[in-house]
PDB file of N, CA and C in Angstrom:
ATOM      1  N   UNK A   1      -4.654 -77.071 -22.444  1.00  0.00           N
ATOM      2  CA  UNK A   1      -5.616 -76.772 -21.414  1.00  0.00           C
ATOM      3  C   UNK A   1      -6.993 -76.735 -22.066  1.00  0.00           C
ATOM      4  N   UNK A   2      -7.978 -76.989 -21.247  1.00  0.00           N
ATOM      5  CA  UNK A   2      -9.347 -76.969 -21.748  1.00  0.00           C
ATOM      6  C   UNK A   2     -10.220 -76.143 -20.808  1.00  0.00           C
ATOM      7  N   UNK A   3     -11.217 -75.483 -21.381  1.00  0.00           N
ATOM      8  CA  UNK A   3     -12.173 -74.708 -20.595  1.00  0.00           C
ATOM      9  C   UNK A   3     -13.575 -75.044 -21.076  1.00  0.00           C
ATOM     10  N   UNK A   4     -14.510 -74.942 -20.175  1.00  0.00           N
ATOM     11  CA  UNK A   4     -15.904 -75.226 -20.486  1.00  0.00           C
ATOM     12  C   UNK A   4     -16.761 -74.275 -19.667  1.00  0.00           C
ATOM     13  N   UNK A   5     -17.899 -73.893 -20.210  1.00  0.00           N
ATOM     14  CA  UNK A   5     -18.868 -73.112 -19.447  1.00  0.00           C
ATOM     15  C   UNK A   5     -20.266 -73.531 -19.872  1.00  0.00           C
ATOM     16  N   UNK A   6     -21.243 -73.246 -19.035  1.00  0.00           N
ATOM     17  CA  UNK A   6     -22.623 -73.607 -19.361  1.00  0.00           C
ATOM     18  C   UNK A   6     -23.077 -72.951 -20.651  1.00  0.00           C
ATOM     19  N   UNK A   7     -22.590 -71.750 -20.919  1.00  0.00           N
ATOM     20  CA  UNK A   7     -22.961 -71.043 -22.133  1.00  0.00           C
ATOM     21  C   UNK A   7     -22.477 -71.720 -23.401  1.00  0.00           C
ATOM     22  N   UNK A   8     -21.429 -72.531 -23.286  1.00  0.00           N
ATOM     23  CA  UNK A   8     -20.882 -73.236 -24.450  1.00  0.00           C
ATOM     24  C   UNK A   8     -21.575 -74.577 -24.690  1.00  0.00           C
ATOM     25  N   UNK A   9     -22.419 -74.996 -23.765  1.00  0.00           N
ATOM     26  CA  UNK A   9     -23.047 -76.311 -23.895  1.00  0.00           C
ATOM     27  C   UNK A   9     -22.004 -77.390 -23.719  1.00  0.00           C
ATOM     28  N   UNK A  10     -21.967 -78.342 -24.648  1.00  0.00           N
ATOM     29  CA  UNK A  10     -20.990 -79.434 -24.555  1.00  0.00           C
ATOM     30  C   UNK A  10     -19.643 -79.072 -25.180  1.00  0.00           C
ATOM     31  N   UNK A  11     -19.553 -77.902 -25.769  1.00  0.00           N
ATOM     32  CA  UNK A  11     -18.324 -77.482 -26.438  1.00  0.00           C
ATOM     33  C   UNK A  11     -17.237 -77.144 -25.429  1.00  0.00           C
ATOM     34  N   UNK A  12     -16.048 -77.634 -25.684  1.00  0.00           N
ATOM     35  CA  UNK A  12     -14.881 -77.298 -24.871  1.00  0.00           C
ATOM     36  C   UNK A  12     -13.942 -76.428 -25.698  1.00  0.00           C
ATOM     37  N   UNK A  13     -13.345 -75.443 -25.039  1.00  0.00           N
ATOM     38  CA  UNK A  13     -12.315 -74.638 -25.685  1.00  0.00           C
ATOM     39  C   UNK A  13     -10.964 -75.242 -25.339  1.00  0.00           C
ATOM     40  N   UNK A  14     -10.207 -75.613 -26.328  1.00  0.00           N
ATOM     41  CA  UNK A  14      -8.848 -76.093 -26.125  1.00  0.00           C
ATOM     42  C   UNK A  14      -7.943 -74.895 -26.374  1.00  0.00           C
ATOM     43  N   UNK A  15      -7.073 -74.598 -25.398  1.00  0.00           N
ATOM     44  CA  UNK A  15      -6.243 -73.411 -25.540  1.00  0.00           C
ATOM     45  C   UNK A  15      -4.872 -73.616 -24.934  1.00  0.00           C
ATOM     46  N   UNK A  16      -3.977 -72.687 -25.261  1.00  0.00           N
ATOM     47  CA  UNK A  16      -2.644 -72.693 -24.680  1.00  0.00           C
ATOM     48  C   UNK A  16      -2.283 -71.275 -24.280  1.00  0.00           C
ATOM     49  N   UNK A  17      -1.509 -71.160 -23.208  1.00  0.00           N
ATOM     50  CA  UNK A  17      -1.022 -69.869 -22.754  1.00  0.00           C
ATOM     51  C   UNK A  17       0.414 -69.734 -23.209  1.00  0.00           C
ATOM     52  N   UNK A  18       0.769 -68.575 -23.770  1.00  0.00           N
ATOM     53  CA  UNK A  18       2.089 -68.404 -24.378  1.00  0.00           C
ATOM     54  C   UNK A  18       3.055 -67.580 -23.554  1.00  0.00           C
ATOM     55  N   UNK A  19       2.611 -66.450 -23.049  1.00  0.00           N
ATOM     56  CA  UNK A  19       3.510 -65.585 -22.299  1.00  0.00           C
ATOM     57  C   UNK A  19       2.707 -64.601 -21.452  1.00  0.00           C
ATOM     58  N   UNK A  20       3.413 -63.768 -20.723  1.00  0.00           N
ATOM     59  CA  UNK A  20       2.748 -62.789 -19.893  1.00  0.00           C
ATOM     60  C   UNK A  20       3.617 -61.546 -19.767  1.00  0.00           C
ATOM     61  N   UNK A  21       2.991 -60.461 -19.356  1.00  0.00           N
ATOM     62  CA  UNK A  21       3.726 -59.228 -19.115  1.00  0.00           C
ATOM     63  C   UNK A  21       3.015 -58.431 -18.038  1.00  0.00           C
ATOM     64  N   UNK A  22       3.789 -57.612 -17.360  1.00  0.00           N
ATOM     65  CA  UNK A  22       3.255 -56.759 -16.314  1.00  0.00           C
ATOM     66  C   UNK A  22       2.903 -55.418 -16.929  1.00  0.00           C
ATOM     67  N   UNK A  23       1.629 -55.044 -16.827  1.00  0.00           N
ATOM     68  CA  UNK A  23       1.164 -53.754 -17.328  1.00  0.00           C
ATOM     69  C   UNK A  23       0.558 -52.997 -16.160  1.00  0.00           C
ATOM     70  N   UNK A  24       1.171 -51.914 -15.775  1.00  0.00           N
ATOM     71  CA  UNK A  24       0.801 -51.117 -14.598  1.00  0.00           C
ATOM     72  C   UNK A  24       0.603 -52.039 -13.403  1.00  0.00           C
ATOM     73  N   UNK A  25      -0.603 -52.219 -12.909  1.00  0.00           N
ATOM     74  CA  UNK A  25      -0.849 -53.068 -11.732  1.00  0.00           C
ATOM     75  C   UNK A  25      -1.506 -54.396 -12.092  1.00  0.00           C
ATOM     76  N   UNK A  26      -1.355 -54.829 -13.329  1.00  0.00           N
ATOM     77  CA  UNK A  26      -2.000 -56.060 -13.768  1.00  0.00           C
ATOM     78  C   UNK A  26      -0.981 -56.982 -14.447  1.00  0.00           C
ATOM     79  N   UNK A  27      -1.190 -58.269 -14.281  1.00  0.00           N
ATOM     80  CA  UNK A  27      -0.433 -59.266 -15.019  1.00  0.00           C
ATOM     81  C   UNK A  27      -1.317 -59.701 -16.179  1.00  0.00           C
ATOM     82  N   UNK A  28      -0.838 -59.528 -17.392  1.00  0.00           N
ATOM     83  CA  UNK A  28      -1.611 -59.896 -18.571  1.00  0.00           C
ATOM     84  C   UNK A  28      -1.005 -61.166 -19.153  1.00  0.00           C
ATOM     85  N   UNK A  29      -1.826 -62.201 -19.271  1.00  0.00           N
ATOM     86  CA  UNK A  29      -1.397 -63.500 -19.792  1.00  0.00           C
ATOM     87  C   UNK A  29      -1.995 -63.661 -21.183  1.00  0.00           C
ATOM     88  N   UNK A  30      -1.141 -64.002 -22.136  1.00  0.00           N
ATOM     89  CA  UNK A  30      -1.574 -64.136 -23.524  1.00  0.00           C
ATOM     90  C   UNK A  30      -1.577 -65.601 -23.943  1.00  0.00           C
ATOM     91  N   UNK A  31      -2.466 -65.922 -24.857  1.00  0.00           N
ATOM     92  CA  UNK A  31      -2.535 -67.271 -25.391  1.00  0.00           C
ATOM     93  C   UNK A  31      -3.412 -67.296 -26.620  1.00  0.00           C
ATOM     94  N   UNK A  32      -3.829 -68.500 -26.969  1.00  0.00           N
ATOM     95  CA  UNK A  32      -4.727 -68.654 -28.113  1.00  0.00           C
ATOM     96  C   UNK A  32      -5.540 -69.924 -27.948  1.00  0.00           C
ATOM     97  N   UNK A  33      -6.733 -69.890 -28.492  1.00  0.00           N
ATOM     98  CA  UNK A  33      -7.537 -71.110 -28.511  1.00  0.00           C
ATOM     99  C   UNK A  33      -7.151 -71.894 -29.756  1.00  0.00           C
ATOM    100  N   UNK A  34      -7.242 -73.218 -29.645  1.00  0.00           N
ATOM    101  CA  UNK A  34      -6.877 -74.104 -30.752  1.00  0.00           C
ATOM    102  C   UNK A  34      -8.101 -74.772 -31.360  1.00  0.00           C
ATOM    103  N   UNK A  35      -9.086 -75.079 -30.525  1.00  0.00           N
ATOM    104  CA  UNK A  35     -10.328 -75.730 -30.969  1.00  0.00           C
ATOM    105  C   UNK A  35     -11.483 -75.164 -30.156  1.00  0.00           C
ATOM    106  N   UNK A  36     -12.643 -75.041 -30.620  1.00  0.00           N
ATOM    107  CA  UNK A  36     -13.133 -75.340 -31.965  1.00  0.00           C
ATOM    108  C   UNK A  36     -12.830 -74.225 -32.964  1.00  0.00           C
ATOM    109  N   UNK A  37     -12.343 -73.085 -32.475  1.00  0.00           N
ATOM    110  CA  UNK A  37     -11.978 -71.970 -33.353  1.00  0.00           C
ATOM    111  C   UNK A  37     -10.639 -71.423 -32.879  1.00  0.00           C
ATOM    112  N   UNK A  38      -9.989 -70.656 -33.728  1.00  0.00           N
ATOM    113  CA  UNK A  38      -8.703 -70.061 -33.352  1.00  0.00           C
ATOM    114  C   UNK A  38      -8.930 -68.584 -33.039  1.00  0.00           C
ATOM    115  N   UNK A  39      -8.733 -68.247 -31.761  1.00  0.00           N
ATOM    116  CA  UNK A  39      -8.879 -66.879 -31.294  1.00  0.00           C
ATOM    117  C   UNK A  39      -7.667 -66.508 -30.467  1.00  0.00           C
ATOM    118  N   UNK A  40      -7.356 -65.212 -30.437  1.00  0.00           N
ATOM    119  CA  UNK A  40      -6.355 -64.723 -29.498  1.00  0.00           C
ATOM    120  C   UNK A  40      -7.009 -64.657 -28.127  1.00  0.00           C
ATOM    121  N   UNK A  41      -6.242 -64.939 -27.109  1.00  0.00           N
ATOM    122  CA  UNK A  41      -6.764 -65.007 -25.749  1.00  0.00           C
ATOM    123  C   UNK A  41      -5.927 -64.111 -24.855  1.00  0.00           C
ATOM    124  N   UNK A  42      -6.584 -63.348 -23.986  1.00  0.00           N
ATOM    125  CA  UNK A  42      -5.883 -62.499 -23.028  1.00  0.00           C
ATOM    126  C   UNK A  42      -6.607 -62.595 -21.690  1.00  0.00           C
ATOM    127  N   UNK A  43      -5.844 -62.901 -20.636  1.00  0.00           N
ATOM    128  CA  UNK A  43      -6.380 -62.988 -19.285  1.00  0.00           C
ATOM    129  C   UNK A  43      -5.664 -61.937 -18.447  1.00  0.00           C
ATOM    130  N   UNK A  44      -6.426 -61.125 -17.733  1.00  0.00           N
ATOM    131  CA  UNK A  44      -5.838 -60.093 -16.887  1.00  0.00           C
ATOM    132  C   UNK A  44      -5.988 -60.502 -15.430  1.00  0.00           C
ATOM    133  N   UNK A  45      -4.869 -60.536 -14.712  1.00  0.00           N
ATOM    134  CA  UNK A  45      -4.864 -60.870 -13.291  1.00  0.00           C
ATOM    135  C   UNK A  45      -4.636 -59.575 -12.522  1.00  0.00           C
ATOM    136  N   UNK A  46      -5.580 -59.279 -11.635  1.00  0.00           N
ATOM    137  CA  UNK A  46      -5.492 -58.059 -10.836  1.00  0.00           C
ATOM    138  C   UNK A  46      -5.081 -58.399  -9.413  1.00  0.00           C
ATOM    139  N   UNK A  47      -4.787 -57.396  -8.632  1.00  0.00           N
ATOM    140  CA  UNK A  47      -4.317 -57.586  -7.254  1.00  0.00           C
ATOM    141  C   UNK A  47      -5.262 -58.469  -6.438  1.00  0.00           C
ATOM    142  N   UNK A  48      -6.534 -58.280  -6.590  1.00  0.00           N
ATOM    143  CA  UNK A  48      -7.508 -59.060  -5.834  1.00  0.00           C
ATOM    144  C   UNK A  48      -7.542 -60.539  -6.205  1.00  0.00           C
ATOM    145  N   UNK A  49      -6.957 -60.907  -7.336  1.00  0.00           N
ATOM    146  CA  UNK A  49      -6.964 -62.299  -7.804  1.00  0.00           C
ATOM    147  C   UNK A  49      -5.807 -63.121  -7.237  1.00  0.00           C
ATOM    148  N   UNK A  50      -4.791 -62.456  -6.720  1.00  0.00           N
ATOM    149  CA  UNK A  50      -3.562 -63.150  -6.306  1.00  0.00           C
ATOM    150  C   UNK A  50      -3.835 -64.178  -5.211  1.00  0.00           C
ATOM    151  N   UNK A  51      -4.587 -63.816  -4.213  1.00  0.00           N
ATOM    152  CA  UNK A  51      -4.865 -64.751  -3.110  1.00  0.00           C
ATOM    153  C   UNK A  51      -5.561 -66.017  -3.617  1.00  0.00           C
ATOM    154  N   UNK A  52      -6.550 -65.845  -4.482  1.00  0.00           N
ATOM    155  CA  UNK A  52      -7.282 -66.986  -5.033  1.00  0.00           C
ATOM    156  C   UNK A  52      -6.360 -67.856  -5.879  1.00  0.00           C
ATOM    157  N   UNK A  53      -5.538 -67.236  -6.735  1.00  0.00           N
ATOM    158  CA  UNK A  53      -4.629 -68.004  -7.583  1.00  0.00           C
ATOM    159  C   UNK A  53      -3.607 -68.784  -6.765  1.00  0.00           C
ATOM    160  N   UNK A  54      -3.041 -68.147  -5.749  1.00  0.00           N
ATOM    161  CA  UNK A  54      -2.065 -68.834  -4.904  1.00  0.00           C
ATOM    162  C   UNK A  54      -2.698 -69.996  -4.143  1.00  0.00           C
ATOM    163  N   UNK A  55      -3.934 -69.820  -3.693  1.00  0.00           N
ATOM    164  CA  UNK A  55      -4.595 -70.920  -2.974  1.00  0.00           C
ATOM    165  C   UNK A  55      -4.835 -72.110  -3.898  1.00  0.00           C
ATOM    166  N   UNK A  56      -5.061 -71.856  -5.169  1.00  0.00           N
ATOM    167  CA  UNK A  56      -5.238 -72.945  -6.135  1.00  0.00           C
ATOM    168  C   UNK A  56      -3.895 -73.598  -6.456  1.00  0.00           C
ATOM    169  N   UNK A  57      -2.884 -72.791  -6.767  1.00  0.00           N
ATOM    170  CA  UNK A  57      -1.570 -73.309  -7.147  1.00  0.00           C
ATOM    171  C   UNK A  57      -0.935 -74.128  -6.026  1.00  0.00           C
ATOM    172  N   UNK A  58      -1.129 -73.695  -4.768  1.00  0.00           N
ATOM    173  CA  UNK A  58      -0.511 -74.386  -3.637  1.00  0.00           C
ATOM    174  C   UNK A  58      -1.468 -75.346  -2.926  1.00  0.00           C
ATOM    175  N   UNK A  59      -2.554 -75.719  -3.579  1.00  0.00           N
ATOM    176  CA  UNK A  59      -3.501 -76.668  -2.986  1.00  0.00           C
ATOM    177  C   UNK A  59      -2.938 -78.088  -3.039  1.00  0.00           C
ATOM    178  N   UNK A  60      -3.494 -78.969  -2.213  1.00  0.00           N
ATOM    179  CA  UNK A  60      -3.067 -80.375  -2.223  1.00  0.00           C
ATOM    180  C   UNK A  60      -3.291 -81.006  -3.595  1.00  0.00           C
ATOM    181  N   UNK A  61      -4.414 -80.690  -4.210  1.00  0.00           N
ATOM    182  CA  UNK A  61      -4.732 -81.264  -5.520  1.00  0.00           C
ATOM    183  C   UNK A  61      -3.702 -80.843  -6.568  1.00  0.00           C
ATOM    184  N   UNK A  62      -3.299 -79.561  -6.572  1.00  0.00           N
ATOM    185  CA  UNK A  62      -2.318 -79.079  -7.545  1.00  0.00           C
ATOM    186  C   UNK A  62      -0.952 -79.715  -7.303  1.00  0.00           C
ATOM    187  N   UNK A  63      -0.551 -79.838  -6.027  1.00  0.00           N
ATOM    188  CA  UNK A  63       0.732 -80.483  -5.722  1.00  0.00           C
ATOM    189  C   UNK A  63       0.721 -81.945  -6.141  1.00  0.00           C
ATOM    190  N   UNK A  64      -0.383 -82.635  -5.873  1.00  0.00           N
ATOM    191  CA  UNK A  64      -0.476 -84.043  -6.252  1.00  0.00           C
ATOM    192  C   UNK A  64      -0.412 -84.192  -7.769  1.00  0.00           C
ATOM    193  N   UNK A  65      -1.136 -83.347  -8.479  1.00  0.00           N
ATOM    194  CA  UNK A  65      -1.127 -83.368  -9.939  1.00  0.00           C
ATOM    195  C   UNK A  65       0.296 -83.155 -10.463  1.00  0.00           C
ATOM    196  N   UNK A  66       0.983 -82.129  -9.961  1.00  0.00           N
ATOM    197  CA  UNK A  66       2.342 -81.820 -10.411  1.00  0.00           C
ATOM    198  C   UNK A  66       3.302 -82.952 -10.061  1.00  0.00           C
ATOM    199  N   UNK A  67       3.172 -83.503  -8.862  1.00  0.00           N
ATOM    200  CA  UNK A  67       4.046 -84.593  -8.417  1.00  0.00           C
ATOM    201  C   UNK A  67       3.883 -85.823  -9.318  1.00  0.00           C
ATOM    202  N   UNK A  68       2.647 -86.207  -9.583  1.00  0.00           N
ATOM    203  CA  UNK A  68       2.398 -87.391 -10.410  1.00  0.00           C
ATOM    204  C   UNK A  68       2.903 -87.189 -11.833  1.00  0.00           C
ATOM    205  N   UNK A  69       2.689 -85.984 -12.401  1.00  0.00           N
ATOM    206  CA  UNK A  69       3.163 -85.709 -13.761  1.00  0.00           C
ATOM    207  C   UNK A  69       4.687 -85.693 -13.809  1.00  0.00           C
ATOM    208  N   UNK A  70       5.313 -85.130 -12.771  1.00  0.00           N
ATOM    209  CA  UNK A  70       6.774 -85.069 -12.715  1.00  0.00           C
ATOM    210  C   UNK A  70       7.364 -86.474 -12.590  1.00  0.00           C
ATOM    211  N   UNK A  71       6.763 -87.305 -11.749  1.00  0.00           N
ATOM    212  CA  UNK A  71       7.246 -88.688 -11.607  1.00  0.00           C
ATOM    213  C   UNK A  71       7.114 -89.447 -12.921  1.00  0.00           C
ATOM    214  N   UNK A  72       6.004 -89.259 -13.614  1.00  0.00           N
ATOM    215  CA  UNK A  72       5.809 -89.927 -14.905  1.00  0.00           C
ATOM    216  C   UNK A  72       6.838 -89.435 -15.916  1.00  0.00           C
ATOM    217  N   UNK A  73       7.098 -88.140 -15.918  1.00  0.00           N
ATOM    218  CA  UNK A  73       8.078 -87.574 -16.837  1.00  0.00           C
ATOM    219  C   UNK A  73       9.474 -88.105 -16.531  1.00  0.00           C
ATOM    220  N   UNK A  74       9.855 -88.104 -15.264  1.00  0.00           N
ATOM    221  CA  UNK A  74      11.180 -88.603 -14.888  1.00  0.00           C
ATOM    222  C   UNK A  74      11.322 -90.082 -15.200  1.00  0.00           C
ATOM    223  N   UNK A  75      10.252 -90.843 -14.984  1.00  0.00           N
ATOM    224  CA  UNK A  75      10.278 -92.269 -15.328  1.00  0.00           C
ATOM    225  C   UNK A  75      10.488 -92.480 -16.811  1.00  0.00           C
ATOM    226  N   UNK A  76       9.843 -91.673 -17.640  1.00  0.00           N
ATOM    227  CA  UNK A  76      10.010 -91.781 -19.093  1.00  0.00           C
ATOM    228  C   UNK A  76      11.421 -91.416 -19.507  1.00  0.00           C
ATOM    229  N   UNK A  77      11.973 -90.392 -18.892  1.00  0.00           N
ATOM    230  CA  UNK A  77      13.341 -89.976 -19.213  1.00  0.00           C
ATOM    231  C   UNK A  77      14.327 -91.058 -18.818  1.00  0.00           C
ATOM    232  N   UNK A  78      14.132 -91.647 -17.633  1.00  0.00           N
ATOM    233  CA  UNK A  78      15.031 -92.723 -17.189  1.00  0.00           C
ATOM    234  C   UNK A  78      14.981 -93.907 -18.140  1.00  0.00           C
ATOM    235  N   UNK A  79      13.766 -94.278 -18.574  1.00  0.00           N
ATOM    236  CA  UNK A  79      13.630 -95.400 -19.497  1.00  0.00           C
ATOM    237  C   UNK A  79      14.377 -95.118 -20.794  1.00  0.00           C
ATOM    238  N   UNK A  80      14.257 -93.896 -21.295  1.00  0.00           N
ATOM    239  CA  UNK A  80      14.958 -93.545 -22.532  1.00  0.00           C
ATOM    240  C   UNK A  80      16.464 -93.577 -22.337  1.00  0.00           C
ATOM    241  N   UNK A  81      16.946 -93.076 -21.204  1.00  0.00           N
ATOM    242  CA  UNK A  81      18.384 -93.072 -20.947  1.00  0.00           C
ATOM    243  C   UNK A  81      18.910 -94.485 -20.824  1.00  0.00           C
ATOM    244  N   UNK A  82      18.209 -95.338 -20.080  1.00  0.00           N
ATOM    245  CA  UNK A  82      18.641 -96.726 -19.910  1.00  0.00           C
ATOM    246  C   UNK A  82      18.625 -97.439 -21.249  1.00  0.00           C
ATOM    247  N   UNK A  83      17.549 -97.275 -22.004  1.00  0.00           N
ATOM    248  CA  UNK A  83      17.442 -97.927 -23.302  1.00  0.00           C
ATOM    249  C   UNK A  83      18.557 -97.444 -24.221  1.00  0.00           C
ATOM    250  N   UNK A  84      18.811 -96.137 -24.233  1.00  0.00           N
ATOM    251  CA  UNK A  84      19.876 -95.580 -25.066  1.00  0.00           C
ATOM    252  C   UNK A  84      21.241 -96.099 -24.658  1.00  0.00           C
ATOM    253  N   UNK A  85      21.506 -96.178 -23.368  1.00  0.00           N
ATOM    254  CA  UNK A  85      22.801 -96.667 -22.889  1.00  0.00           C
ATOM    255  C   UNK A  85      22.995 -98.134 -23.217  1.00  0.00           C
ATOM    256  N   UNK A  86      21.948 -98.922 -23.104  1.00  0.00           N
ATOM    257  CA  UNK A  86      22.059-100.348 -23.428  1.00  0.00           C
ATOM    258  C   UNK A  86      22.377-100.539 -24.907  1.00  0.00           C
ATOM    259  N   UNK A  87      21.718 -99.744 -25.758  1.00  0.00           N
ATOM    260  CA  UNK A  87      21.998 -99.860 -27.195  1.00  0.00           C
ATOM    261  C   UNK A  87      23.426 -99.448 -27.507  1.00  0.00           C
ATOM    262  N   UNK A  88      23.948 -98.431 -26.834  1.00  0.00           N
ATOM    263  CA  UNK A  88      25.324 -97.985 -27.058  1.00  0.00           C
ATOM    264  C   UNK A  88      26.316 -99.067 -26.650  1.00  0.00           C
ATOM    265  N   UNK A  89      25.948 -99.880 -25.652  1.00  0.00           N
ATOM    266  CA  UNK A  89      26.840-100.921 -25.164  1.00  0.00           C
ATOM    267  C   UNK A  89      26.672-102.226 -25.943  1.00  0.00           C
ATOM    268  N   UNK A  90      25.836-102.220 -26.984  1.00  0.00           N
ATOM    269  CA  UNK A  90      25.682-103.408 -27.820  1.00  0.00           C
ATOM    270  C   UNK A  90      24.535-104.315 -27.427  1.00  0.00           C
ATOM    271  N   UNK A  91      23.760-103.950 -26.420  1.00  0.00           N
ATOM    272  CA  UNK A  91      22.620-104.766 -26.029  1.00  0.00           C
ATOM    273  C   UNK A  91      21.409-104.387 -26.875  1.00  0.00           C
ATOM    274  N   UNK A  92      20.554-105.348 -27.122  1.00  0.00           N
ATOM    275  CA  UNK A  92      19.305-105.071 -27.832  1.00  0.00           C
ATOM    276  C   UNK A  92      18.153-105.589 -26.991  1.00  0.00           C
ATOM    277  N   UNK A  93      16.964-105.067 -27.281  1.00  0.00           N
ATOM    278  CA  UNK A  93      15.793-105.538 -26.545  1.00  0.00           C
ATOM    279  C   UNK A  93      15.443-106.949 -26.970  1.00  0.00           C
ATOM    280  N   UNK A  94      15.119-107.759 -26.012  1.00  0.00           N
ATOM    281  CA  UNK A  94      14.664-109.115 -26.299  1.00  0.00           C
ATOM    282  C   UNK A  94      13.380-109.343 -25.532  1.00  0.00           C
ATOM    283  N   UNK A  95      12.413-109.939 -26.186  1.00  0.00           N
ATOM    284  CA  UNK A  95      11.168-110.250 -25.506  1.00  0.00           C
ATOM    285  C   UNK A  95      11.305-111.610 -24.858  1.00  0.00           C
ATOM    286  N   UNK A  96      10.949-111.662 -23.587  1.00  0.00           N
ATOM    287  CA  UNK A  96      11.031-112.915 -22.847  1.00  0.00           C
ATOM    288  C   UNK A  96       9.638-113.529 -22.838  1.00  0.00           C
ATOM    289  N   UNK A  97       9.498-114.778 -23.324  1.00  0.00           N
ATOM    290  CA  UNK A  97       8.168-115.384 -23.351  1.00  0.00           C
ATOM    291  C   UNK A  97       7.622-115.584 -21.951  1.00  0.00           C
ATOM    292  N   UNK A  98       6.325-115.365 -21.816  1.00  0.00           N
ATOM    293  CA  UNK A  98       5.669-115.542 -20.513  1.00  0.00           C
ATOM    294  C   UNK A  98       5.457-117.026 -20.221  1.00  0.00           C
ATOM    295  N   UNK A  99       5.484-117.317 -18.958  1.00  0.00           N
ATOM    296  CA  UNK A  99       5.147-118.662 -18.503  1.00  0.00           C
ATOM    297  C   UNK A  99       6.220-119.701 -18.789  1.00  0.00           C
ATOM    298  N   UNK A 100       7.429-119.314 -18.916  1.00  0.00           N
ATOM    299  CA  UNK A 100       8.440-120.345 -19.029  1.00  0.00           C
ATOM    300  C   UNK A 100       9.401-120.086 -20.063  1.00  0.00           C
TER     301      UNK A 100
END
């Protein structure tokens, strides 16, 4: 994941989220930045944030993003399975010349 703010100028923070836990009435999400520096990261989600987060997660843009990534992932898995099965059956890849 990447984050940017006006205060950072052109610098982007590359980060990953690792886990979360429920602390009293807050969801605490932990992670770390990877670039340009390595820092521990903690995001606290409060009750008032839930509506906003759900509207983002269930938006058309988020569904489209997830759908396209899932289709690409499934397509890659299918290609690997087909390729693996063909090799097990004794077939090898052959390049077919274009135009005849």
